Protein backbone atom coordinates (compact mmCIF):
# COMPACT_ATOMS: atom_id res chain seq x y z
CA UNK A 1 0.00 0.00 0.00
CA UNK A 2 1.72 3.17 -1.20
CA UNK A 3 0.62 6.57 0.03
CA UNK A 4 0.42 9.10 -2.87
CA UNK A 5 2.08 11.84 -0.87
CA UNK A 6 5.21 13.66 -1.89
CA UNK A 7 6.82 14.05 1.53
CA UNK A 8 9.28 16.62 0.20
CA UNK A 9 6.40 19.01 -0.46
CA UNK A 10 4.57 18.44 2.82
CA UNK A 11 6.35 21.09 4.95
CA UNK A 12 5.30 23.90 2.59
CA UNK A 13 1.82 22.43 2.26
CA UNK A 14 1.34 22.14 6.02
CA UNK A 15 2.46 25.72 6.68
CA UNK A 16 -0.35 26.91 4.42
CA UNK A 17 -3.09 25.14 6.33
CA UNK A 18 -5.25 26.96 8.89
CA UNK A 19 -5.34 23.90 11.15
CA UNK A 20 -1.55 23.36 11.26
CA UNK A 21 -0.29 24.43 14.69
CA UNK A 22 3.45 24.33 14.01
CA UNK A 23 3.81 27.28 11.62
CA UNK A 24 6.32 29.06 13.85
CA UNK A 25 8.73 26.13 14.19
CA UNK A 26 11.37 24.90 11.71
CA UNK A 27 10.37 21.44 10.45
CA UNK A 28 13.10 18.82 10.61
CA UNK A 29 11.20 16.00 8.87
CA UNK A 30 7.75 14.68 7.97
CA UNK A 31 6.91 10.99 7.72
CA UNK A 32 3.80 8.88 7.13
CA UNK A 33 3.03 6.67 10.16
CA UNK A 34 -0.18 5.14 8.79
CA UNK A 35 -2.44 5.40 5.77
CA UNK A 36 -5.43 3.74 4.21
CA UNK A 37 -6.92 3.98 0.73
CA UNK A 38 -10.69 4.57 0.57
CA UNK A 39 -12.63 3.75 -2.61
CA UNK A 40 -14.74 6.36 -4.37
CA UNK A 41 -17.31 5.97 -7.18
CA UNK A 42 -15.85 5.73 -10.70
CA UNK A 43 -12.80 3.61 -9.80
CA UNK A 44 -11.27 6.49 -7.90
CA UNK A 45 -9.87 6.51 -4.38
CA UNK A 46 -8.38 8.87 -1.83
CA UNK A 47 -5.85 8.32 0.93
CA UNK A 48 -6.39 9.05 4.58
CA UNK A 49 -2.92 9.44 6.07
CA UNK A 50 -1.51 10.11 9.52
CA UNK A 51 1.73 12.07 9.21
CA UNK A 52 4.23 12.88 11.95
CA UNK A 53 5.98 16.24 11.92
CA UNK A 54 9.33 16.44 13.71
CA UNK A 55 10.56 19.94 14.57
CA UNK A 56 14.08 21.23 15.15
CA UNK A 57 12.93 21.90 18.73
CA UNK A 58 9.99 20.59 20.70
CA UNK A 59 7.87 17.46 20.58
CA UNK A 60 6.65 15.81 17.35
CA UNK A 61 3.03 16.29 16.31
CA UNK A 62 0.70 14.12 14.28
CA UNK A 63 -1.85 15.32 11.73
CA UNK A 64 -4.58 13.72 9.65
CA UNK A 65 -4.25 14.31 5.91
CA UNK A 66 -6.96 13.30 3.41
CA UNK A 67 -5.24 13.49 0.02
CA UNK A 68 -6.04 12.81 -3.63
CA UNK A 69 -3.46 11.78 -6.26
CA UNK A 70 -2.02 14.95 -7.72
CA UNK A 71 0.84 16.10 -9.90
CA UNK A 72 1.45 18.83 -7.31
CA UNK A 73 2.29 16.13 -4.76
CA UNK A 74 -0.35 17.02 -2.15
CA UNK A 75 -4.00 17.89 -2.81
CA UNK A 76 -6.61 18.26 -0.07
CA UNK A 77 -9.17 15.52 -0.74
CA UNK A 78 -11.86 17.47 1.11
CA UNK A 79 -12.26 19.70 -1.94
CA UNK A 80 -14.13 16.73 -3.45
CA UNK A 81 -17.73 16.19 -2.21
CA UNK A 82 -17.49 12.45 -2.95
CA UNK A 83 -14.66 12.21 -0.44
CA UNK A 84 -16.79 13.87 2.25
CA UNK A 85 -19.66 11.46 1.55
CA UNK A 86 -17.33 8.44 1.58
CA UNK A 87 -15.80 9.45 4.89
CA UNK A 88 -19.22 9.88 6.48
CA UNK A 89 -20.46 6.54 5.11
CA UNK A 90 -17.48 4.78 6.73
CA UNK A 91 -18.92 5.91 10.05
CA UNK A 92 -22.62 5.46 9.28
CA UNK A 93 -22.08 1.91 7.94
CA UNK A 94 -19.71 0.93 10.81
CA UNK A 95 -17.10 -0.17 8.29
CA UNK A 96 -13.61 -1.40 9.11
CA UNK A 97 -10.71 -0.97 6.68
CA UNK A 98 -7.19 -2.38 7.07
CA UNK A 99 -4.51 0.31 7.10
CA UNK A 100 -0.76 0.08 6.66
CA UNK A 101 -0.16 -0.46 10.38
CA UNK A 102 -3.59 -1.12 11.93
CA UNK A 103 -7.15 -0.47 10.90
CA UNK A 104 -9.77 2.21 10.46
CA UNK A 105 -13.01 1.64 12.41
CA UNK A 106 -16.30 3.45 11.87
CA UNK A 107 -18.75 3.54 14.78
CA UNK A 108 -22.43 4.53 14.64
CA UNK A 109 -24.26 4.60 17.97
CA UNK A 110 -27.34 2.39 18.28
CA UNK A 111 -29.43 5.07 19.95
CA UNK A 112 -32.85 6.47 18.99
CA UNK A 113 -31.10 9.54 17.59
CA UNK A 114 -28.95 7.24 15.44
CA UNK A 115 -32.05 6.08 13.51
CA UNK A 116 -32.20 9.44 11.76
CA UNK A 117 -33.26 9.23 8.08
CA UNK A 118 -31.04 11.03 5.58
CA UNK A 119 -31.80 12.12 2.00
CA UNK A 120 -30.32 10.40 -1.04
CA UNK A 121 -28.19 11.53 -2.77
CA UNK A 122 -26.67 12.86 0.41
CA UNK A 123 -25.92 16.59 0.37
CA UNK A 124 -22.65 17.59 2.07
CA UNK A 125 -21.48 21.11 2.78
CA UNK A 126 -18.01 21.97 4.04
CA UNK A 127 -18.13 24.90 6.45
CA UNK A 128 -16.02 27.74 5.11
CA UNK A 129 -14.94 28.95 8.56
CA UNK A 130 -11.85 26.80 9.04
CA UNK A 131 -10.55 26.46 12.56
CA UNK A 132 -8.26 23.85 14.07
CA UNK A 133 -10.51 21.12 12.63
CA UNK A 134 -12.56 20.67 9.45
CA UNK A 135 -16.36 20.59 9.78
CA UNK A 136 -18.83 19.25 7.23
CA UNK A 137 -22.63 19.57 7.40
CA UNK A 138 -24.28 16.33 6.24
CA UNK A 139 -27.84 16.40 4.96
CA UNK A 140 -28.38 19.61 6.96
CA UNK A 141 -29.01 17.33 9.97
CA UNK A 142 -25.58 16.18 11.12
CA UNK A 143 -22.17 17.73 11.48
CA UNK A 144 -19.00 15.75 10.83
CA UNK A 145 -15.92 17.15 12.54
CA UNK A 146 -12.64 15.86 11.18
CA UNK A 147 -9.87 16.24 13.74
CA UNK A 148 -6.68 17.46 12.10
CA UNK A 149 -4.15 17.56 14.96
CA UNK A 150 -4.14 14.11 16.49
CA UNK A 151 -3.25 12.99 19.98
CA UNK A 152 -2.83 9.42 21.13
CA UNK A 153 -5.20 8.12 23.73
CA UNK A 154 -8.91 8.36 24.42
CA UNK A 155 -10.35 11.58 23.04
CA UNK A 156 -12.47 13.17 25.81
CA UNK A 157 -14.90 14.75 23.35
CA UNK A 158 -15.70 11.32 21.94
CA UNK A 159 -15.69 9.62 25.34
CA UNK A 160 -17.94 12.15 27.13
CA UNK A 161 -20.26 12.50 24.15
CA UNK A 162 -20.64 8.73 23.89
CA UNK A 163 -21.31 8.41 27.62
CA UNK A 164 -23.99 11.12 27.58
CA UNK A 165 -25.66 9.67 24.47
CA UNK A 166 -25.70 6.03 25.56
CA UNK A 167 -25.78 6.08 29.38
CA UNK A 168 -27.76 9.19 30.34
CA UNK A 169 -30.89 11.13 29.41
CA UNK A 170 -29.00 14.45 29.18
CA UNK A 171 -29.84 15.96 25.80
CA UNK A 172 -29.04 19.65 26.28
CA UNK A 173 -26.17 19.12 23.83
CA UNK A 174 -25.68 18.36 20.13
CA UNK A 175 -25.85 14.60 20.67
CA UNK A 176 -22.95 12.40 19.55
CA UNK A 177 -24.00 9.94 16.86
CA UNK A 178 -20.80 8.35 15.60
CA UNK A 179 -17.02 8.44 15.31
CA UNK A 180 -14.08 7.27 13.22
CA UNK A 181 -11.16 5.70 15.02
CA UNK A 182 -7.66 4.72 13.93
CA UNK A 183 -6.55 1.60 15.77
CA UNK A 184 -2.95 0.44 15.96
CA UNK A 185 0.35 2.30 16.43
CA UNK A 186 -1.26 5.48 15.04
CA UNK A 187 -4.34 5.07 17.23
CA UNK A 188 -6.46 8.19 17.62
CA UNK A 189 -9.97 9.53 17.17
CA UNK A 190 -10.07 10.92 13.62
CA UNK A 191 -13.62 12.27 13.39
CA UNK A 192 -16.87 12.64 15.33
CA UNK A 193 -20.47 13.11 14.16
CA UNK A 194 -23.01 15.14 16.14
CA UNK A 195 -26.57 16.33 15.61
CA UNK A 196 -26.45 19.60 13.62
CA UNK A 197 -28.26 22.52 15.24
CA UNK A 198 -29.21 25.15 12.61
CA UNK A 199 -29.89 28.80 13.35
CA UNK A 200 -28.01 28.93 16.64
CA UNK A 201 -26.34 31.81 18.40
CA UNK A 202 -23.29 31.09 20.48
CA UNK A 203 -23.55 32.01 24.13
CA UNK A 204 -20.76 34.57 23.94
CA UNK A 205 -22.46 36.68 21.26
CA UNK A 206 -25.87 36.31 22.93
CA UNK A 207 -24.47 37.48 26.25
CA UNK A 208 -22.57 40.39 24.71
CA UNK A 209 -25.73 41.57 22.95
CA UNK A 210 -27.58 41.54 26.29
CA UNK A 211 -24.72 43.28 28.13
CA UNK A 212 -24.69 46.00 25.44
CA UNK A 213 -28.32 46.92 26.02
CA UNK A 214 -27.65 49.17 28.99
CA UNK A 215 -26.32 49.45 32.52
CA UNK A 216 -28.78 46.87 33.87
CA UNK A 217 -29.52 43.39 32.58
CA UNK A 218 -33.12 42.61 31.66
CA UNK A 219 -35.16 40.26 33.82
CA UNK A 220 -35.57 38.00 30.78
CA UNK A 221 -31.82 37.63 30.35
CA UNK A 222 -31.28 36.99 34.06
CA UNK A 223 -33.88 34.23 33.77
CA UNK A 224 -31.92 32.83 30.83
CA UNK A 225 -28.78 32.75 32.99
CA UNK A 226 -30.60 30.90 35.76
CA UNK A 227 -31.58 28.31 33.14
CA UNK A 228 -27.95 28.11 32.00
CA UNK A 229 -26.99 27.33 35.59
CA UNK A 230 -29.68 24.65 35.70
CA UNK A 231 -28.37 23.06 32.49
CA UNK A 232 -24.85 22.88 33.92
CA UNK A 233 -26.24 21.32 37.11
CA UNK A 234 -28.09 18.74 35.00
CA UNK A 235 -24.88 17.99 33.08
CA UNK A 236 -23.02 17.38 36.33
CA UNK A 237 -25.80 15.10 37.61
CA UNK A 238 -25.53 13.12 34.36
CA UNK A 239 -21.74 12.89 34.48
CA UNK A 240 -21.94 11.75 38.12
CA UNK A 241 -24.62 9.13 37.44
CA UNK A 242 -22.40 6.16 36.60
CA UNK A 243 -21.60 3.53 39.17
CA UNK A 244 -20.07 0.84 36.96
CA UNK A 245 -17.90 2.68 34.42
CA UNK A 246 -14.50 3.37 36.00
CA UNK A 247 -13.92 6.31 33.66
CA UNK A 248 -17.04 8.06 34.99
CA UNK A 249 -17.81 6.60 38.44
CA UNK A 250 -17.60 9.41 41.03
CA UNK A 251 -14.79 9.12 43.59
CA UNK A 252 -14.58 10.60 47.10
CA UNK A 253 -12.75 13.89 47.32
CA UNK A 254 -9.69 13.34 49.51
CA UNK A 255 -7.37 15.64 51.42
CA UNK A 256 -4.58 14.81 48.99
CA UNK A 257 -6.76 16.00 46.10
CA UNK A 258 -7.26 19.51 47.46
CA UNK A 259 -3.59 19.62 48.50
CA UNK A 260 -2.50 18.59 45.00
CA UNK A 261 -4.80 21.13 43.33
CA UNK A 262 -3.57 23.85 45.69
CA UNK A 263 0.05 23.02 44.91
CA UNK A 264 -0.72 23.03 41.19
CA UNK A 265 -2.28 26.51 41.36
CA UNK A 266 0.68 27.81 43.38
CA UNK A 267 3.04 26.35 40.78
CA UNK A 268 1.07 27.85 37.89
CA UNK A 269 1.10 31.19 39.67
CA UNK A 270 4.89 31.21 39.83
CA UNK A 271 5.18 30.58 36.10
CA UNK A 272 2.36 32.93 35.14
CA UNK A 273 3.37 35.94 37.21
CA UNK A 274 6.92 35.65 35.94
CA UNK A 275 5.65 35.67 32.34
CA UNK A 276 3.24 38.54 33.02
CA UNK A 277 5.70 40.76 34.87
CA UNK A 278 6.91 42.49 31.68
CA UNK A 279 3.37 43.54 30.78
CA UNK A 280 1.86 44.02 34.23
CA UNK A 281 4.56 44.66 36.87
CA UNK A 282 1.85 45.65 39.37
CA UNK A 283 0.98 41.96 39.72
CA UNK A 284 4.18 41.43 41.67
CA UNK A 285 2.64 43.43 44.51
CA UNK A 286 -0.11 40.85 44.77
CA UNK A 287 2.04 37.74 44.48
CA UNK A 288 2.09 36.82 48.18
CA UNK A 289 -1.62 37.53 48.68
CA UNK A 290 -2.57 35.39 45.69
CA UNK A 291 -0.27 32.56 46.73
CA UNK A 292 -1.89 32.67 50.15
CA UNK A 293 -5.29 32.45 48.51
CA UNK A 294 -4.26 29.35 46.56
CA UNK A 295 -2.78 27.73 49.64
CA UNK A 296 -6.09 28.11 51.48
CA UNK A 297 -7.49 25.45 49.16
CA UNK A 298 -5.15 22.88 50.72
CA UNK A 299 -6.83 23.40 54.10
CA UNK A 300 -10.42 23.00 52.91
CA UNK A 301 -11.97 20.00 54.71
CA UNK A 302 -12.49 17.46 51.92
CA UNK A 303 -16.12 16.61 51.19
CA UNK A 304 -18.11 15.77 48.11
CA UNK A 305 -16.81 13.87 45.09
CA UNK A 306 -14.56 14.08 42.08
CA UNK A 307 -16.43 13.57 38.81
CA UNK A 308 -15.84 13.97 35.08
CA UNK A 309 -16.54 17.56 34.13
CA UNK A 310 -16.75 19.65 30.96
CA UNK A 311 -13.27 20.94 31.66
CA UNK A 312 -13.23 24.08 29.51
CA UNK A 313 -16.59 25.68 30.08
CA UNK A 314 -17.19 29.27 29.01
CA UNK A 315 -19.78 31.20 27.04
CA UNK A 316 -18.19 30.12 23.75
CA UNK A 317 -18.97 26.51 24.63
CA UNK A 318 -22.72 26.98 24.92
CA UNK A 319 -25.30 27.58 22.21
CA UNK A 320 -28.59 29.41 22.28
CA UNK A 321 -31.27 27.60 20.28
CA UNK A 322 -35.06 27.60 20.52
CA UNK A 323 -35.02 29.68 23.69
CA UNK A 324 -32.81 27.22 25.55
CA UNK A 325 -29.13 26.40 26.07
CA UNK A 326 -27.02 23.59 24.68
CA UNK A 327 -23.62 22.73 26.17
CA UNK A 328 -21.05 21.32 23.76
CA UNK A 329 -17.37 20.72 22.98
CA UNK A 330 -16.18 18.33 25.67
CA UNK A 331 -12.56 18.33 24.47
CA UNK A 332 -11.29 20.10 27.58
CA UNK A 333 -8.53 22.70 27.73
CA UNK A 334 -6.35 22.39 24.60
CA UNK A 335 -3.19 23.09 26.59
CA UNK A 336 -3.59 19.92 28.65
CA UNK A 337 -2.94 16.32 27.59
CA UNK A 338 -5.79 13.87 27.06
CA UNK A 339 -4.83 12.11 30.29
CA UNK A 340 -5.07 15.38 32.23
CA UNK A 341 -8.38 16.29 30.61
CA UNK A 342 -9.86 12.91 31.56
CA UNK A 343 -9.04 13.32 35.24
CA UNK A 344 -11.95 13.58 37.64
CA UNK A 345 -12.24 16.93 39.30
CA UNK A 346 -14.50 19.11 41.40
CA UNK A 347 -17.62 20.16 39.52
CA UNK A 348 -16.97 23.69 40.78
CA UNK A 349 -14.19 24.01 38.22
CA UNK A 350 -16.83 24.26 35.47
CA UNK A 351 -18.81 26.76 37.53
CA UNK A 352 -15.69 28.91 37.92
CA UNK A 353 -15.09 28.82 34.16
CA UNK A 354 -18.52 30.23 33.41
CA UNK A 355 -18.22 32.91 36.08
CA UNK A 356 -14.95 34.05 34.51
CA UNK A 357 -16.69 34.25 31.15
CA UNK A 358 -19.16 36.80 32.54
CA UNK A 359 -16.18 38.90 33.64
CA UNK A 360 -14.88 38.78 30.06
CA UNK A 361 -18.28 39.87 28.73
CA UNK A 362 -18.36 42.85 31.10
CA UNK A 363 -14.76 43.81 30.24
CA UNK A 364 -15.51 43.55 26.51
CA UNK A 365 -18.51 45.89 26.56
CA UNK A 366 -16.57 48.32 28.74
CA UNK A 367 -13.75 48.31 26.18
CA UNK A 368 -16.37 49.05 23.53
CA UNK A 369 -17.42 52.16 25.44
CA UNK A 370 -20.36 50.96 27.51
CA UNK A 371 -20.52 52.89 30.80
CA UNK A 372 -20.05 51.10 34.08
CA UNK A 373 -23.24 49.31 35.05
CA UNK A 374 -24.82 46.74 37.30
CA UNK A 375 -24.30 43.73 35.05
CA UNK A 376 -21.54 41.46 36.32
CA UNK A 377 -22.75 40.60 39.81
CA UNK A 378 -26.40 40.05 38.79
CA UNK A 379 -25.21 37.76 35.98
CA UNK A 380 -23.04 35.74 38.37
CA UNK A 381 -25.81 35.57 40.95
CA UNK A 382 -28.47 34.43 38.46
CA UNK A 383 -26.23 31.70 37.04
CA UNK A 384 -25.27 30.47 40.51
CA UNK A 385 -28.91 30.49 41.64
CA UNK A 386 -29.86 28.19 38.78
CA UNK A 387 -26.90 25.90 39.38
CA UNK A 388 -27.41 25.64 43.13
CA UNK A 389 -31.16 25.06 42.84
CA UNK A 390 -30.50 22.11 40.52
CA UNK A 391 -27.64 20.63 42.53
CA UNK A 392 -28.94 21.18 46.08
CA UNK A 393 -27.82 18.22 48.19
CA UNK A 394 -25.81 16.67 45.33
CA UNK A 395 -23.21 14.21 46.57
CA UNK A 396 -20.58 15.65 44.22
CA UNK A 397 -20.56 19.11 45.85
CA UNK A 398 -18.85 20.20 49.11
CA UNK A 399 -21.09 19.77 52.13
CA UNK A 400 -20.48 23.13 53.75
CA UNK A 401 -21.06 26.62 52.42
CA UNK A 402 -17.56 27.65 53.50
CA UNK A 403 -15.95 24.84 51.51
CA UNK A 404 -18.12 25.63 48.47
CA UNK A 405 -17.04 29.28 48.54
CA UNK A 406 -13.35 28.56 49.18
CA UNK A 407 -13.10 25.96 46.41
CA UNK A 408 -14.99 28.07 43.89
CA UNK A 409 -12.69 31.02 44.62
CA UNK A 410 -9.58 28.89 44.18
CA UNK A 411 -10.79 27.55 40.83
CA UNK A 412 -11.60 31.07 39.65
CA UNK A 413 -8.04 32.02 40.54
CA UNK A 414 -6.74 29.01 38.61
CA UNK A 415 -8.80 30.06 35.59
CA UNK A 416 -7.49 33.64 35.77
CA UNK A 417 -3.92 32.34 35.64
CA UNK A 418 -4.77 30.22 32.60
CA UNK A 419 -6.33 33.28 30.97
CA UNK A 420 -3.21 35.38 31.58
CA UNK A 421 -1.03 32.77 29.88
CA UNK A 422 -3.48 32.36 27.01
CA UNK A 423 -3.77 36.08 26.39
CA UNK A 424 -0.01 36.63 26.55
CA UNK A 425 0.42 34.02 23.83
CA UNK A 426 -2.56 34.89 21.65
CA UNK A 427 -4.08 38.32 22.42
CA UNK A 428 -1.64 40.48 24.41
CA UNK A 429 -4.05 43.44 24.24
CA UNK A 430 -6.58 41.41 26.25
CA UNK A 431 -4.25 40.35 29.04
CA UNK A 432 -5.42 43.28 31.13
CA UNK A 433 -8.82 41.56 31.58
CA UNK A 434 -7.56 38.66 33.73
CA UNK A 435 -4.84 40.88 35.23
CA UNK A 436 -7.43 43.36 36.49
CA UNK A 437 -9.44 40.45 37.90
CA UNK A 438 -6.35 39.23 39.76
CA UNK A 439 -5.71 42.74 41.06
CA UNK A 440 -9.17 43.12 42.54
CA UNK A 441 -9.53 39.54 43.77
CA UNK A 442 -10.61 39.56 47.36
CA UNK A 443 -8.19 37.74 49.61
CA UNK A 444 -9.57 36.16 52.72
CA UNK A 445 -7.26 36.25 55.68
């Protein structure tokens, strides 16, 4: 089985792709670690290849390349609609294909949602907004996401989506319907299929529009935020519902857990404040107070449970559709490994992520010229009211109010540090948003 890829031309090709993350690094070599030929109508075929990029510095990365035979050496096969249909049918028909070093396995979930009827011939539409992955709308009812940058191990988006679809009744999400896996030495999740939700507004834009309407939030929007809190509470109940799946079964929260999380935040603070000092030297004046805040987490009496969580929850990870909210994208924080993203954690980490997102919304409208108003605290309060009403007495939450408050504060601090690092790397003009939050963070003595 010969892959029709001119490896000598791959470095230039990769640098021109939106989804390629290594544009800034000199490439030492590119090799094909696995590939499989997939038949197309008319005696044609395309190759699905996993290539490994080795850099002059840093760790190698693997990418998924769908390619057609071409005199240019490399041609993106996704420019051909037949290729998109063929890739989807591999999943829908649960097909297995031998590859050079393993096999390709399509999976279609046997759930009521999986019985969906699709038109024939099947219309496919590649979304023009390219991000780190490639998305294709299938029959205007499903969305196929092809994962370009691959990581070995169990993909949390696939794992959590599959658990919710097959083991729980939680449906406030674009339900997972299928996936494509590479098994063998190049093992990875290559693609996932979800229900397609048309005419949606993402939660970030919806919230900004409401924050822009004046100094006070409307009662209708505050009600929406209470419902958002309820949906997150329902997600946590669903994720904590397993008793027989080791990957999802809740575990008691132990003293060593809060001590480990505290130490991790203190460590992240050292790195982050050192990086931020050139842009925001005033943070140095708060270093000891903030370290003390993080260390308080280690002394919280352990209660409640560790469960699987969303892991990267913010307003960009929720959708507004039909007057309700949908939570999606269970990949977790991109900067963490799959193993780290699959760790069980306090549910309050997701709550902290959403609270930080409201702070970003307020900062954004202020930067746009909106006058200071009474928006942030009412938004936080409404969201928390909805969450706490839905999770009252839940075994996965701390038993005391003091522990709830202390843990939530520590996880907000952790999220602020992540935001500082992210903004320094990607949007230096925005770093003042988390920096200002760190500066005004109340420190309990």
